[in-house]
Amino acid sequence: MSKLTADIEQNLALFIQETKQSELVWGLKNEDGWLAVDSTEFENSEVMPFWSTEADAKLHNVEEWADFEVLQIPLDIFVEDWLLTLDEDGVLIGTNWNSQLEGKEMEPSEIAKLYIAE
């Protein structure tokens, strides 16, 4: 059962906590690349969703995203490589989207600061 709720700030905190524990981040990828969608919060921005557990990522591996694979990314590579590249590309990070596809959308550099701060 998912620990994610309607509280997107709590889901963000859970994302940081659980990925630090497991040292893994989960995302969806198909033959065209990693899932990225238009931001609902920021105009003309793309957001790439990631989850802190495989189970929560799999909940989204349905309907229009059914052709994606649920894959893990080691946390050190996510923080040291992905966040830098996505920041340069202007792509936002969506953390622990719940079943309503609600989640915090943040600049990758802001996510990186959360790992350093704790």
Protein backbone atom coordinates (compact mmCIF):
# COMPACT_ATOMS: atom_id res chain seq x y z
CA MET A 1 0.00 0.00 0.00
CA SER A 2 1.27 3.43 -0.91
CA LYS A 3 2.34 5.85 1.81
CA LEU A 4 1.63 8.77 -0.53
CA THR A 5 -1.16 11.17 0.43
CA ALA A 6 -2.75 14.38 -0.87
CA ASP A 7 -0.08 16.31 1.10
CA ILE A 8 2.55 16.97 -1.56
CA GLU A 9 5.00 18.51 0.93
CA GLN A 10 4.82 15.34 3.04
CA ASN A 11 5.30 13.24 -0.11
CA LEU A 12 8.40 15.30 -0.97
CA ALA A 13 9.84 14.68 2.52
CA LEU A 14 9.09 10.97 2.11
CA PHE A 15 10.85 11.00 -1.28
CA ILE A 16 14.06 12.40 0.25
CA GLN A 17 13.89 10.10 3.30
CA GLU A 18 13.17 6.87 1.42
CA THR A 19 15.64 7.47 -1.42
CA LYS A 20 18.38 8.18 1.12
CA GLN A 21 17.54 4.91 2.87
CA SER A 22 17.32 2.72 -0.23
CA GLU A 23 19.87 4.73 -2.25
CA LEU A 24 17.53 4.29 -5.25
CA VAL A 25 15.20 6.53 -7.23
CA TRP A 26 12.49 5.05 -9.49
CA GLY A 27 11.27 6.35 -12.83
CA LEU A 28 9.48 5.30 -16.00
CA LYS A 29 11.32 4.78 -19.28
CA ASN A 30 10.35 3.54 -22.75
CA GLU A 31 12.16 3.27 -26.10
CA ASP A 32 11.91 7.07 -26.52
CA GLY A 33 13.48 7.82 -23.13
CA TRP A 34 12.45 8.71 -19.60
CA LEU A 35 8.92 9.92 -18.95
CA ALA A 36 8.56 13.71 -19.08
CA VAL A 37 5.27 15.59 -19.26
CA ASP A 38 4.12 19.19 -19.41
CA SER A 39 4.15 20.89 -16.03
CA THR A 40 0.78 21.72 -14.52
CA GLU A 41 2.36 24.42 -12.33
CA PHE A 42 4.80 26.18 -14.65
CA GLU A 43 4.04 27.31 -18.19
CA ASN A 44 6.30 26.06 -20.99
CA SER A 45 8.09 23.65 -18.65
CA GLU A 46 8.57 19.91 -18.68
CA VAL A 47 8.57 17.84 -15.54
CA MET A 48 10.09 14.40 -15.07
CA PRO A 49 8.39 12.36 -12.34
CA PHE A 50 10.35 10.13 -9.96
CA TRP A 51 9.28 8.01 -7.01
CA SER A 52 10.99 6.77 -3.87
CA THR A 53 9.66 3.21 -4.18
CA GLU A 54 9.25 0.76 -7.01
CA ALA A 55 5.66 0.08 -5.91
CA ASP A 56 4.63 3.73 -6.22
CA ALA A 57 6.27 4.00 -9.65
CA LYS A 58 4.41 0.85 -10.75
CA LEU A 59 1.06 2.42 -9.77
CA HIS A 60 1.64 4.88 -12.63
CA ASN A 61 2.75 2.25 -15.16
CA VAL A 62 -0.80 2.01 -16.57
CA GLU A 63 -3.02 3.44 -19.31
CA GLU A 64 -1.09 5.96 -21.42
CA TRP A 65 2.12 5.08 -19.54
CA ALA A 66 1.67 1.29 -19.78
CA ASP A 67 4.41 0.99 -22.44
CA PHE A 68 7.01 2.30 -19.97
CA GLU A 69 9.30 0.17 -17.83
CA VAL A 70 9.78 0.90 -14.14
CA LEU A 71 13.52 1.33 -13.64
CA GLN A 72 15.80 2.27 -10.78
CA ILE A 73 18.54 4.90 -10.75
CA PRO A 74 21.24 4.74 -8.07
CA LEU A 75 20.84 7.78 -5.81
CA ASP A 76 24.45 8.96 -6.18
CA ILE A 77 24.11 9.04 -9.99
CA PHE A 78 20.71 10.74 -9.69
CA VAL A 79 22.08 13.51 -7.44
CA GLU A 80 25.53 13.98 -8.98
CA ASP A 81 24.64 13.52 -12.65
CA TRP A 82 20.91 13.62 -13.41
CA LEU A 83 20.04 16.66 -11.29
CA LEU A 84 22.86 18.69 -12.84
CA THR A 85 21.94 17.73 -16.40
CA LEU A 86 18.21 18.26 -15.90
CA ASP A 87 18.90 21.63 -14.27
CA GLU A 88 20.96 22.68 -17.30
CA ASP A 89 18.14 21.47 -19.59
CA GLY A 90 15.50 23.38 -17.61
CA VAL A 91 13.52 20.22 -16.78
CA LEU A 92 11.68 20.16 -13.46
CA ILE A 93 11.56 17.17 -11.10
CA GLY A 94 8.23 15.78 -9.90
CA THR A 95 8.56 13.88 -6.64
CA ASN A 96 6.35 11.03 -5.47
CA TRP A 97 3.28 11.84 -7.55
CA ASN A 98 0.23 10.37 -5.88
CA SER A 99 -2.63 8.52 -7.58
CA GLN A 100 -4.13 11.87 -8.72
CA LEU A 101 -0.78 12.74 -10.37
CA GLU A 102 -0.24 15.44 -7.77
CA GLY A 103 3.24 16.06 -6.50
CA LYS A 104 5.77 18.75 -5.85
CA GLU A 105 7.40 20.13 -9.01
CA MET A 106 10.83 21.60 -8.27
CA GLU A 107 14.00 22.79 -9.90
CA PRO A 108 16.59 19.97 -9.82
CA SER A 109 19.02 22.23 -7.94
CA GLU A 110 16.42 22.64 -5.17
CA ILE A 111 16.10 18.85 -4.88
CA ALA A 112 19.90 18.55 -4.68
CA LYS A 113 19.93 21.04 -1.78
CA LEU A 114 17.50 18.83 0.15
CA TYR A 115 19.99 15.94 0.00
CA ILE A 116 22.85 18.15 1.15
CA ALA A 117 20.82 19.86 3.92
CA GLU A 118 20.11 16.72 5.90
